[in-house]
């Protein structure tokens, strides 16, 4: 079975961190790159979160930062849900 090459675009908080881990573990997907945007937290924090998650599992995947804010509205982050880092809770 050939693996499907994918690029994952996300804003890593808890939900996207788990999605990244599941995609990396999938025998059907070949994760080629990860792009991140601001969302659950600022771009700086979501980029750091993606790098931490990928490093935690030893994944050697290209990572690129994308948009620091939405195109048509102001950025609204959710530190009350995802914590100040966007991944508060477990220490990675």
C-alpha atoms as a PDB file:
ATOM      1  CA  UNK A   1       0.000   0.000   0.000  1.00  0.00           C
ATOM      2  CA  UNK A   2       1.475   3.367  -0.988  1.00  0.00           C
ATOM      3  CA  UNK A   3       1.422   6.149   1.562  1.00  0.00           C
ATOM      4  CA  UNK A   4      -0.395   9.382   0.751  1.00  0.00           C
ATOM      5  CA  UNK A   5       1.909  12.425   0.863  1.00  0.00           C
ATOM      6  CA  UNK A   6       0.373  15.228   2.947  1.00  0.00           C
ATOM      7  CA  UNK A   7       1.148  18.698   4.223  1.00  0.00           C
ATOM      8  CA  UNK A   8      -0.627  19.509   7.472  1.00  0.00           C
ATOM      9  CA  UNK A   9      -1.701  23.094   8.159  1.00  0.00           C
ATOM     10  CA  UNK A  10      -2.638  23.715  11.777  1.00  0.00           C
ATOM     11  CA  UNK A  11      -2.543  25.979  14.847  1.00  0.00           C
ATOM     12  CA  UNK A  12      -1.166  23.532  17.414  1.00  0.00           C
ATOM     13  CA  UNK A  13      -3.039  23.565  20.647  1.00  0.00           C
ATOM     14  CA  UNK A  14      -4.090  20.312  22.276  1.00  0.00           C
ATOM     15  CA  UNK A  15      -6.359  19.193  19.431  1.00  0.00           C
ATOM     16  CA  UNK A  16      -3.890  19.783  16.621  1.00  0.00           C
ATOM     17  CA  UNK A  17      -1.006  18.302  18.621  1.00  0.00           C
ATOM     18  CA  UNK A  18      -2.972  15.046  18.851  1.00  0.00           C
ATOM     19  CA  UNK A  19      -3.891  15.264  15.151  1.00  0.00           C
ATOM     20  CA  UNK A  20      -0.200  15.657  14.263  1.00  0.00           C
ATOM     21  CA  UNK A  21       0.728  12.644  16.376  1.00  0.00           C
ATOM     22  CA  UNK A  22      -2.008  10.540  14.786  1.00  0.00           C
ATOM     23  CA  UNK A  23      -0.999  11.570  11.259  1.00  0.00           C
ATOM     24  CA  UNK A  24       2.658  10.782  11.957  1.00  0.00           C
ATOM     25  CA  UNK A  25       1.724   7.366  13.335  1.00  0.00           C
ATOM     26  CA  UNK A  26      -0.554   6.501  10.435  1.00  0.00           C
ATOM     27  CA  UNK A  27       0.776   3.845   8.053  1.00  0.00           C
ATOM     28  CA  UNK A  28      -1.349   5.451   5.289  1.00  0.00           C
ATOM     29  CA  UNK A  29       0.087   8.977   5.506  1.00  0.00           C
ATOM     30  CA  UNK A  30       3.486  10.361   4.577  1.00  0.00           C
ATOM     31  CA  UNK A  31       3.676  13.698   6.399  1.00  0.00           C
ATOM     32  CA  UNK A  32       6.007  15.801   4.253  1.00  0.00           C
ATOM     33  CA  UNK A  33       5.614  19.170   5.978  1.00  0.00           C
ATOM     34  CA  UNK A  34       3.732  21.070   8.642  1.00  0.00           C
ATOM     35  CA  UNK A  35       2.633  24.673   8.278  1.00  0.00           C
ATOM     36  CA  UNK A  36       1.312  26.641  11.212  1.00  0.00           C
ATOM     37  CA  UNK A  37      -0.834  29.718  11.623  1.00  0.00           C
ATOM     38  CA  UNK A  38      -2.059  31.773  14.554  1.00  0.00           C
ATOM     39  CA  UNK A  39      -5.321  30.543  16.018  1.00  0.00           C
ATOM     40  CA  UNK A  40      -5.509  28.970  19.450  1.00  0.00           C
ATOM     41  CA  UNK A  41      -2.470  31.101  20.260  1.00  0.00           C
ATOM     42  CA  UNK A  42      -0.109  33.514  18.509  1.00  0.00           C
ATOM     43  CA  UNK A  43       1.967  32.387  15.535  1.00  0.00           C
ATOM     44  CA  UNK A  44       5.160  32.383  17.610  1.00  0.00           C
ATOM     45  CA  UNK A  45       3.560  30.021  20.135  1.00  0.00           C
ATOM     46  CA  UNK A  46       1.877  27.696  17.617  1.00  0.00           C
ATOM     47  CA  UNK A  47       5.156  27.393  15.706  1.00  0.00           C
ATOM     48  CA  UNK A  48       6.971  26.536  18.924  1.00  0.00           C
ATOM     49  CA  UNK A  49       4.273  23.985  19.784  1.00  0.00           C
ATOM     50  CA  UNK A  50       4.574  22.267  16.400  1.00  0.00           C
ATOM     51  CA  UNK A  51       8.346  22.079  16.767  1.00  0.00           C
ATOM     52  CA  UNK A  52       8.007  20.638  20.290  1.00  0.00           C
ATOM     53  CA  UNK A  53       5.508  17.968  19.222  1.00  0.00           C
ATOM     54  CA  UNK A  54       7.605  16.913  16.233  1.00  0.00           C
ATOM     55  CA  UNK A  55      10.783  16.866  18.324  1.00  0.00           C
ATOM     56  CA  UNK A  56       9.067  14.841  21.053  1.00  0.00           C
ATOM     57  CA  UNK A  57       8.444  11.966  18.633  1.00  0.00           C
ATOM     58  CA  UNK A  58      11.649  12.413  16.641  1.00  0.00           C
ATOM     59  CA  UNK A  59       9.850  13.367  13.427  1.00  0.00           C
ATOM     60  CA  UNK A  60      12.085  14.983  10.834  1.00  0.00           C
ATOM     61  CA  UNK A  61       9.519  17.060   8.987  1.00  0.00           C
ATOM     62  CA  UNK A  62       9.846  20.492   7.394  1.00  0.00           C
ATOM     63  CA  UNK A  63       7.986  23.201   9.354  1.00  0.00           C
ATOM     64  CA  UNK A  64       6.990  26.642   8.084  1.00  0.00           C
ATOM     65  CA  UNK A  65       5.228  29.577   9.691  1.00  0.00           C
ATOM     66  CA  UNK A  66       2.228  30.998   7.887  1.00  0.00           C
ATOM     67  CA  UNK A  67      -0.266  33.743   8.689  1.00  0.00           C
ATOM     68  CA  UNK A  68       0.095  35.606  11.972  1.00  0.00           C
ATOM     69  CA  UNK A  69      -3.560  36.645  11.899  1.00  0.00           C
ATOM     70  CA  UNK A  70      -6.768  35.867  10.024  1.00  0.00           C
ATOM     71  CA  UNK A  71      -7.283  37.617   6.696  1.00  0.00           C
ATOM     72  CA  UNK A  72     -10.700  39.131   7.444  1.00  0.00           C
ATOM     73  CA  UNK A  73     -10.974  39.599  11.207  1.00  0.00           C
ATOM     74  CA  UNK A  74      -8.768  40.317  14.212  1.00  0.00           C
ATOM     75  CA  UNK A  75      -6.908  37.429  15.832  1.00  0.00           C
ATOM     76  CA  UNK A  76      -8.714  35.949  18.821  1.00  0.00           C
ATOM     77  CA  UNK A  77      -6.622  33.551  20.893  1.00  0.00           C
ATOM     78  CA  UNK A  78      -7.906  31.230  23.640  1.00  0.00           C
ATOM     79  CA  UNK A  79      -5.442  31.148  26.563  1.00  0.00           C
ATOM     80  CA  UNK A  80      -8.316  30.337  28.923  1.00  0.00           C
ATOM     81  CA  UNK A  81      -8.806  27.073  27.015  1.00  0.00           C
ATOM     82  CA  UNK A  82      -5.325  26.132  25.810  1.00  0.00           C
ATOM     83  CA  UNK A  83      -3.186  27.970  28.374  1.00  0.00           C
ATOM     84  CA  UNK A  84      -0.586  30.646  27.768  1.00  0.00           C
ATOM     85  CA  UNK A  85       1.534  28.414  25.518  1.00  0.00           C
ATOM     86  CA  UNK A  86      -1.376  26.830  23.688  1.00  0.00           C
ATOM     87  CA  UNK A  87      -0.203  23.433  25.021  1.00  0.00           C
ATOM     88  CA  UNK A  88      -0.302  23.942  28.753  1.00  0.00           C
ATOM     89  CA  UNK A  89      -0.749  20.772  30.733  1.00  0.00           C
ATOM     90  CA  UNK A  90       1.767  18.066  29.875  1.00  0.00           C
ATOM     91  CA  UNK A  91       5.406  19.098  29.813  1.00  0.00           C
ATOM     92  CA  UNK A  92       6.911  18.253  26.431  1.00  0.00           C
END
